[in-house]
Amino acid sequence: MIRSYSAASLDAPVRVFQITHASRTHTQLWLQANAVQSKDIAYRLEVLFQNVQHVCAPFVLRGLSLRRATHDESNRLSKLHGLEVDPSYGLYLLSRSHDWFIVSAKPIWAEADLDYNDKPVFWSYTGREDIVISMGTIE
């Protein structure tokens, strides 16, 4: 059975994430952290951002602290970057120590028994209990 979660944040401080896929229209973006046997991390962790409006992040992130920005944080970063954030989307912070963010619809994530070169969970494996361990949404 696939465990499902809805939470205010997703923290993975010891994982290394990279942008692995973006849709041709750049409205979807995937972050991926692979299993690390030396750290007893058995599964790949993916985060999918849909309806992406803006990205301010490096291609590789050491550690992830994903959460929706507060009203004040969103206003500050919007002004700093000259953005108008559509109220139907959110500004999602990626780090506690950097101003990295993505403006998008609610991100979804999945933990799965996949290797580096396997297709993204949300393309090919959604609902596959033999592969997907857990899934969630950031509120």
Protein backbone atom coordinates (compact mmCIF):
# COMPACT_ATOMS: atom_id res chain seq x y z
CA MET A 1 0.00 0.00 0.00
CA ILE A 2 1.32 3.44 -0.96
CA ARG A 3 1.42 5.83 2.00
CA SER A 4 -0.06 9.27 1.25
CA TYR A 5 0.76 12.49 3.06
CA SER A 6 -0.19 16.12 2.99
CA ALA A 7 2.15 18.40 4.91
CA ALA A 8 3.29 21.98 5.26
CA SER A 9 6.90 21.08 4.47
CA LEU A 10 9.27 18.44 3.16
CA ASP A 11 12.73 18.34 4.71
CA ALA A 12 15.57 16.23 3.33
CA PRO A 13 18.70 17.94 4.70
CA VAL A 14 21.29 15.28 3.80
CA ARG A 15 20.08 14.54 0.26
CA VAL A 16 21.51 16.02 -2.94
CA PHE A 17 18.77 17.08 -5.35
CA GLN A 18 19.15 18.02 -8.97
CA ILE A 19 16.82 19.27 -11.65
CA THR A 20 16.47 16.18 -13.82
CA HIS A 21 13.54 16.96 -16.12
CA ALA A 22 11.63 19.95 -17.39
CA SER A 23 8.72 19.82 -19.78
CA ARG A 24 9.17 21.34 -23.23
CA THR A 25 6.96 24.23 -22.26
CA HIS A 26 8.90 24.56 -18.98
CA THR A 27 5.68 24.41 -17.00
CA GLN A 28 6.72 21.22 -15.20
CA LEU A 29 9.96 20.72 -13.33
CA TRP A 30 11.33 17.70 -11.46
CA LEU A 31 13.83 17.62 -8.62
CA GLN A 32 15.37 14.22 -7.89
CA ALA A 33 17.55 12.84 -5.09
CA ASN A 34 18.75 9.30 -5.58
CA ALA A 35 19.23 6.51 -3.08
CA VAL A 36 22.51 6.73 -1.16
CA GLN A 37 23.55 3.36 0.23
CA SER A 38 26.37 4.85 2.33
CA LYS A 39 23.82 6.98 4.22
CA ASP A 40 21.16 4.25 4.45
CA ILE A 41 18.82 6.16 2.14
CA ALA A 42 17.15 3.35 0.24
CA TYR A 43 14.80 5.18 -2.12
CA ARG A 44 14.78 7.92 -4.73
CA LEU A 45 12.87 11.06 -3.74
CA GLU A 46 11.26 13.20 -6.45
CA VAL A 47 9.43 16.50 -6.28
CA LEU A 48 7.22 17.62 -9.18
CA PHE A 49 6.31 21.26 -9.67
CA GLN A 50 3.45 21.88 -12.12
CA ASN A 51 2.32 25.14 -13.74
CA VAL A 52 5.76 26.60 -13.06
CA GLN A 53 5.80 30.38 -13.42
CA HIS A 54 9.29 31.22 -12.16
CA VAL A 55 12.42 29.38 -11.00
CA CYS A 56 15.19 30.87 -8.91
CA ALA A 57 17.39 27.90 -7.96
CA PRO A 58 20.64 26.19 -8.88
CA PHE A 59 20.56 22.93 -10.84
CA VAL A 60 21.95 21.06 -7.83
CA LEU A 61 20.78 21.59 -4.24
CA ARG A 62 22.53 20.12 -1.23
CA GLY A 63 19.64 19.53 1.12
CA LEU A 64 16.02 20.46 0.60
CA SER A 65 13.67 22.32 2.88
CA LEU A 66 10.53 22.76 0.81
CA ARG A 67 7.70 24.89 2.13
CA ARG A 68 5.33 27.59 0.99
CA ALA A 69 6.68 31.07 1.67
CA THR A 70 4.91 33.24 4.22
CA HIS A 71 3.11 36.34 2.98
CA ASP A 72 6.06 38.56 4.00
CA GLU A 73 8.65 36.24 2.39
CA SER A 74 6.61 36.09 -0.80
CA ASN A 75 6.26 39.89 -0.93
CA ARG A 76 9.99 40.42 -0.32
CA LEU A 77 11.10 37.93 -2.98
CA SER A 78 8.48 39.13 -5.47
CA LYS A 79 9.73 42.70 -5.14
CA LEU A 80 13.38 41.63 -5.29
CA HIS A 81 12.81 39.69 -8.53
CA GLY A 82 10.15 41.94 -10.07
CA LEU A 83 7.48 39.24 -9.99
CA GLU A 84 3.73 39.33 -9.79
CA VAL A 85 2.70 36.03 -8.25
CA ASP A 86 -0.71 34.87 -9.41
CA PRO A 87 -2.83 34.21 -6.27
CA SER A 88 -3.77 30.75 -7.58
CA TYR A 89 -0.09 29.70 -7.33
CA GLY A 90 2.37 29.71 -4.48
CA LEU A 91 5.95 30.75 -3.96
CA TYR A 92 7.73 27.68 -2.58
CA LEU A 93 11.05 28.03 -0.80
CA LEU A 94 13.65 25.30 -1.34
CA SER A 95 16.16 26.10 1.40
CA ARG A 96 16.40 27.49 4.92
CA SER A 97 19.68 29.27 4.19
CA HIS A 98 19.17 30.57 0.62
CA ASP A 99 16.45 32.52 -1.19
CA TRP A 100 15.92 29.74 -3.76
CA PHE A 101 12.31 29.32 -4.81
CA ILE A 102 9.85 28.13 -7.43
CA VAL A 103 6.49 29.75 -8.20
CA SER A 104 4.03 27.01 -9.14
CA ALA A 105 0.94 25.04 -8.23
CA LYS A 106 1.20 22.87 -5.10
CA PRO A 107 4.25 20.60 -5.40
CA ILE A 108 3.83 16.86 -5.13
CA TRP A 109 6.51 14.38 -4.13
CA ALA A 110 7.12 10.66 -4.21
CA GLU A 111 9.57 8.23 -2.69
CA ALA A 112 10.22 5.23 -4.95
CA ASP A 113 12.42 2.21 -5.49
CA LEU A 114 13.96 3.56 -8.70
CA ASP A 115 17.47 4.04 -10.06
CA TYR A 116 19.03 7.24 -11.38
CA ASN A 117 18.17 6.61 -15.05
CA ASP A 118 14.61 5.36 -14.51
CA LYS A 119 11.78 7.56 -15.76
CA PRO A 120 10.14 9.93 -13.25
CA VAL A 121 7.57 8.46 -10.88
CA PHE A 122 4.83 10.76 -12.13
CA TRP A 123 5.36 9.73 -15.78
CA SER A 124 5.42 5.99 -15.45
CA TYR A 125 4.93 4.58 -11.97
CA THR A 126 2.05 6.34 -10.20
CA GLY A 127 -0.08 3.73 -8.46
CA ARG A 128 2.58 0.99 -8.72
CA GLU A 129 2.75 -0.32 -5.16
CA ASP A 130 5.76 -2.46 -6.05
CA ILE A 131 7.78 0.70 -6.83
CA VAL A 132 6.19 3.72 -5.10
CA ILE A 133 6.67 3.76 -1.32
CA SER A 134 5.01 7.05 -0.43
CA MET A 135 3.54 10.18 -2.04
CA GLY A 136 2.57 13.56 -0.74
CA THR A 137 1.52 17.12 -1.36
CA ILE A 138 2.92 20.33 0.06
CA GLU A 139 0.09 22.56 1.25
